[in-house]
Amino acid sequence: MLKWEYALLIRRRQAATNDLGWEVVFVWYGPEGSMVDVTPYGDTALAHLNRAGDQGWELVAMSEDPSLPGNNELHRYHLKRPKPAAPPPRQRMRGAGRPGRRTLSG
């Protein structure tokens, strides 16, 4: 059965920390719980989505939070990709020349 893993890309437009207008910040929330500022990898949502697509991610939903004050913006891009198959369990091998389990009779 095919299983999926999910990730979230957040695009946030907010007041710049240096008081020089606005900045756009991109944060990636990975399936293992990581949170990474990916802003240096591109300056548009399309650049980040194409990069994710190159890694096997597929965009499944997008949402915007219109309730933020002022000129702040928040966009959420929900992505999924097939989860890598778990390796099959290793079989136990009996050593060569090693006797099997002994049973008591009698």
C-alpha atoms as a PDB file:
ATOM      1  CA  MET A   1       0.000   0.000   0.000  1.00  0.00           C
ATOM      2  CA  LEU A   2       1.335   3.428  -0.959  1.00  0.00           C
ATOM      3  CA  LYS A   3       2.032   5.732   1.990  1.00  0.00           C
ATOM      4  CA  TRP A   4       2.590   9.490   1.878  1.00  0.00           C
ATOM      5  CA  GLU A   5       4.714  11.989   3.741  1.00  0.00           C
ATOM      6  CA  TYR A   6       3.746  15.635   3.983  1.00  0.00           C
ATOM      7  CA  ALA A   7       5.533  18.974   4.199  1.00  0.00           C
ATOM      8  CA  LEU A   8       4.562  22.605   4.455  1.00  0.00           C
ATOM      9  CA  LEU A   9       6.117  25.668   2.811  1.00  0.00           C
ATOM     10  CA  ILE A  10       5.207  28.985   4.446  1.00  0.00           C
ATOM     11  CA  ARG A  11       5.604  32.314   2.639  1.00  0.00           C
ATOM     12  CA  ARG A  12       5.400  35.265   5.015  1.00  0.00           C
ATOM     13  CA  ARG A  13       5.532  38.946   4.049  1.00  0.00           C
ATOM     14  CA  GLN A  14       6.300  40.996   7.137  1.00  0.00           C
ATOM     15  CA  ALA A  15       7.929  44.190   8.322  1.00  0.00           C
ATOM     16  CA  ALA A  16      11.690  43.979   7.843  1.00  0.00           C
ATOM     17  CA  THR A  17      13.747  43.534  10.980  1.00  0.00           C
ATOM     18  CA  ASN A  18      15.970  46.460   9.959  1.00  0.00           C
ATOM     19  CA  ASP A  19      12.991  48.881   9.568  1.00  0.00           C
ATOM     20  CA  LEU A  20      13.616  49.281   5.832  1.00  0.00           C
ATOM     21  CA  GLY A  21      10.202  48.293   4.532  1.00  0.00           C
ATOM     22  CA  TRP A  22       9.070  44.721   3.971  1.00  0.00           C
ATOM     23  CA  GLU A  23      10.726  41.345   3.653  1.00  0.00           C
ATOM     24  CA  VAL A  24       9.499  37.999   2.365  1.00  0.00           C
ATOM     25  CA  VAL A  25      10.547  34.930   4.352  1.00  0.00           C
ATOM     26  CA  PHE A  26      10.116  31.269   3.340  1.00  0.00           C
ATOM     27  CA  VAL A  27      10.132  28.478   5.946  1.00  0.00           C
ATOM     28  CA  TRP A  28      10.043  24.730   5.166  1.00  0.00           C
ATOM     29  CA  TYR A  29       8.438  22.330   7.651  1.00  0.00           C
ATOM     30  CA  GLY A  30       9.643  18.831   6.761  1.00  0.00           C
ATOM     31  CA  PRO A  31       7.936  15.500   7.426  1.00  0.00           C
ATOM     32  CA  GLU A  32      10.410  14.616  10.175  1.00  0.00           C
ATOM     33  CA  GLY A  33       9.509  17.760  12.136  1.00  0.00           C
ATOM     34  CA  SER A  34      12.300  20.013  10.918  1.00  0.00           C
ATOM     35  CA  MET A  35      11.825  23.750  10.443  1.00  0.00           C
ATOM     36  CA  VAL A  36      14.271  25.381   8.013  1.00  0.00           C
ATOM     37  CA  ASP A  37      14.513  28.969   6.782  1.00  0.00           C
ATOM     38  CA  VAL A  38      14.833  28.397   3.016  1.00  0.00           C
ATOM     39  CA  THR A  39      14.699  32.081   2.035  1.00  0.00           C
ATOM     40  CA  PRO A  40      18.259  32.028   0.599  1.00  0.00           C
ATOM     41  CA  TYR A  41      17.238  29.369  -1.959  1.00  0.00           C
ATOM     42  CA  GLY A  42      14.904  31.669  -3.899  1.00  0.00           C
ATOM     43  CA  ASP A  43      12.929  34.873  -3.758  1.00  0.00           C
ATOM     44  CA  THR A  44       9.592  33.643  -5.147  1.00  0.00           C
ATOM     45  CA  ALA A  45       7.128  30.948  -4.154  1.00  0.00           C
ATOM     46  CA  LEU A  46       7.510  29.422  -7.630  1.00  0.00           C
ATOM     47  CA  ALA A  47      11.266  29.042  -7.156  1.00  0.00           C
ATOM     48  CA  HIS A  48      10.693  27.157  -3.906  1.00  0.00           C
ATOM     49  CA  LEU A  49       7.851  25.026  -5.314  1.00  0.00           C
ATOM     50  CA  ASN A  50       9.949  24.068  -8.362  1.00  0.00           C
ATOM     51  CA  ARG A  51      12.843  23.139  -6.071  1.00  0.00           C
ATOM     52  CA  ALA A  52      10.490  20.970  -3.997  1.00  0.00           C
ATOM     53  CA  GLY A  53       9.111  19.410  -7.197  1.00  0.00           C
ATOM     54  CA  ASP A  54      12.646  18.444  -8.215  1.00  0.00           C
ATOM     55  CA  GLN A  55      12.832  16.520  -4.924  1.00  0.00           C
ATOM     56  CA  GLY A  56       9.611  14.602  -5.648  1.00  0.00           C
ATOM     57  CA  TRP A  57       7.134  16.851  -3.804  1.00  0.00           C
ATOM     58  CA  GLU A  58       3.701  17.586  -5.274  1.00  0.00           C
ATOM     59  CA  LEU A  59       1.593  20.627  -4.356  1.00  0.00           C
ATOM     60  CA  VAL A  60      -1.797  19.465  -3.056  1.00  0.00           C
ATOM     61  CA  ALA A  61      -3.260  22.621  -1.488  1.00  0.00           C
ATOM     62  CA  MET A  62      -2.595  26.303  -0.954  1.00  0.00           C
ATOM     63  CA  SER A  63      -4.178  28.598   1.612  1.00  0.00           C
ATOM     64  CA  GLU A  64      -3.869  32.245   2.568  1.00  0.00           C
ATOM     65  CA  ASP A  65      -4.459  33.799   5.985  1.00  0.00           C
ATOM     66  CA  PRO A  66      -6.411  37.019   5.320  1.00  0.00           C
ATOM     67  CA  SER A  67      -6.799  37.908   9.008  1.00  0.00           C
ATOM     68  CA  LEU A  68      -3.294  39.273   9.550  1.00  0.00           C
ATOM     69  CA  PRO A  69      -3.022  42.944  10.542  1.00  0.00           C
ATOM     70  CA  GLY A  70      -1.729  45.633   8.186  1.00  0.00           C
ATOM     71  CA  ASN A  71       0.152  44.576   5.077  1.00  0.00           C
ATOM     72  CA  ASN A  72       1.349  41.247   6.478  1.00  0.00           C
ATOM     73  CA  GLU A  73       0.713  38.188   4.298  1.00  0.00           C
ATOM     74  CA  LEU A  74       0.859  34.486   5.066  1.00  0.00           C
ATOM     75  CA  HIS A  75       0.570  31.760   2.420  1.00  0.00           C
ATOM     76  CA  ARG A  76       0.710  28.030   3.146  1.00  0.00           C
ATOM     77  CA  TYR A  77       1.700  25.517   0.464  1.00  0.00           C
ATOM     78  CA  HIS A  78       0.867  21.915   1.432  1.00  0.00           C
ATOM     79  CA  LEU A  79       2.935  19.247  -0.329  1.00  0.00           C
ATOM     80  CA  LYS A  80       3.136  15.466  -0.371  1.00  0.00           C
ATOM     81  CA  ARG A  81       5.292  12.748  -1.894  1.00  0.00           C
ATOM     82  CA  PRO A  82       5.338   8.958  -1.697  1.00  0.00           C
ATOM     83  CA  LYS A  83       7.017   7.773   1.465  1.00  0.00           C
ATOM     84  CA  PRO A  84      10.129   5.697   0.786  1.00  0.00           C
ATOM     85  CA  ALA A  85       9.412   2.006   1.227  1.00  0.00           C
ATOM     86  CA  ALA A  86      10.794   0.549   4.418  1.00  0.00           C
ATOM     87  CA  PRO A  87      13.466  -2.051   3.758  1.00  0.00           C
ATOM     88  CA  PRO A  88      12.193  -5.605   4.213  1.00  0.00           C
ATOM     89  CA  PRO A  89      13.163  -7.226   7.514  1.00  0.00           C
ATOM     90  CA  ARG A  90      16.438  -9.077   7.361  1.00  0.00           C
ATOM     91  CA  GLN A  91      16.174 -12.827   7.505  1.00  0.00           C
ATOM     92  CA  ARG A  92      18.177 -14.639  10.095  1.00  0.00           C
ATOM     93  CA  MET A  93      20.757 -16.905   8.608  1.00  0.00           C
ATOM     94  CA  ARG A  94      22.010 -19.937  10.419  1.00  0.00           C
ATOM     95  CA  GLY A  95      25.750 -20.245  10.478  1.00  0.00           C
ATOM     96  CA  ALA A  96      27.288 -22.902   8.234  1.00  0.00           C
ATOM     97  CA  GLY A  97      28.055 -26.095  10.118  1.00  0.00           C
ATOM     98  CA  ARG A  98      26.140 -24.883  13.141  1.00  0.00           C
ATOM     99  CA  PRO A  99      23.618 -27.411  14.379  1.00  0.00           C
ATOM    100  CA  GLY A 100      19.965 -26.497  14.552  1.00  0.00           C
ATOM    101  CA  ARG A 101      17.953 -26.309  17.756  1.00  0.00           C
ATOM    102  CA  ARG A 102      18.124 -29.486  19.787  1.00  0.00           C
ATOM    103  CA  THR A 103      15.088 -30.984  21.400  1.00  0.00           C
ATOM    104  CA  LEU A 104      14.914 -33.284  24.379  1.00  0.00           C
ATOM    105  CA  SER A 105      13.202 -36.556  23.788  1.00  0.00           C
ATOM    106  CA  GLY A 106      12.031 -38.962  26.168  1.00  0.00           C
END
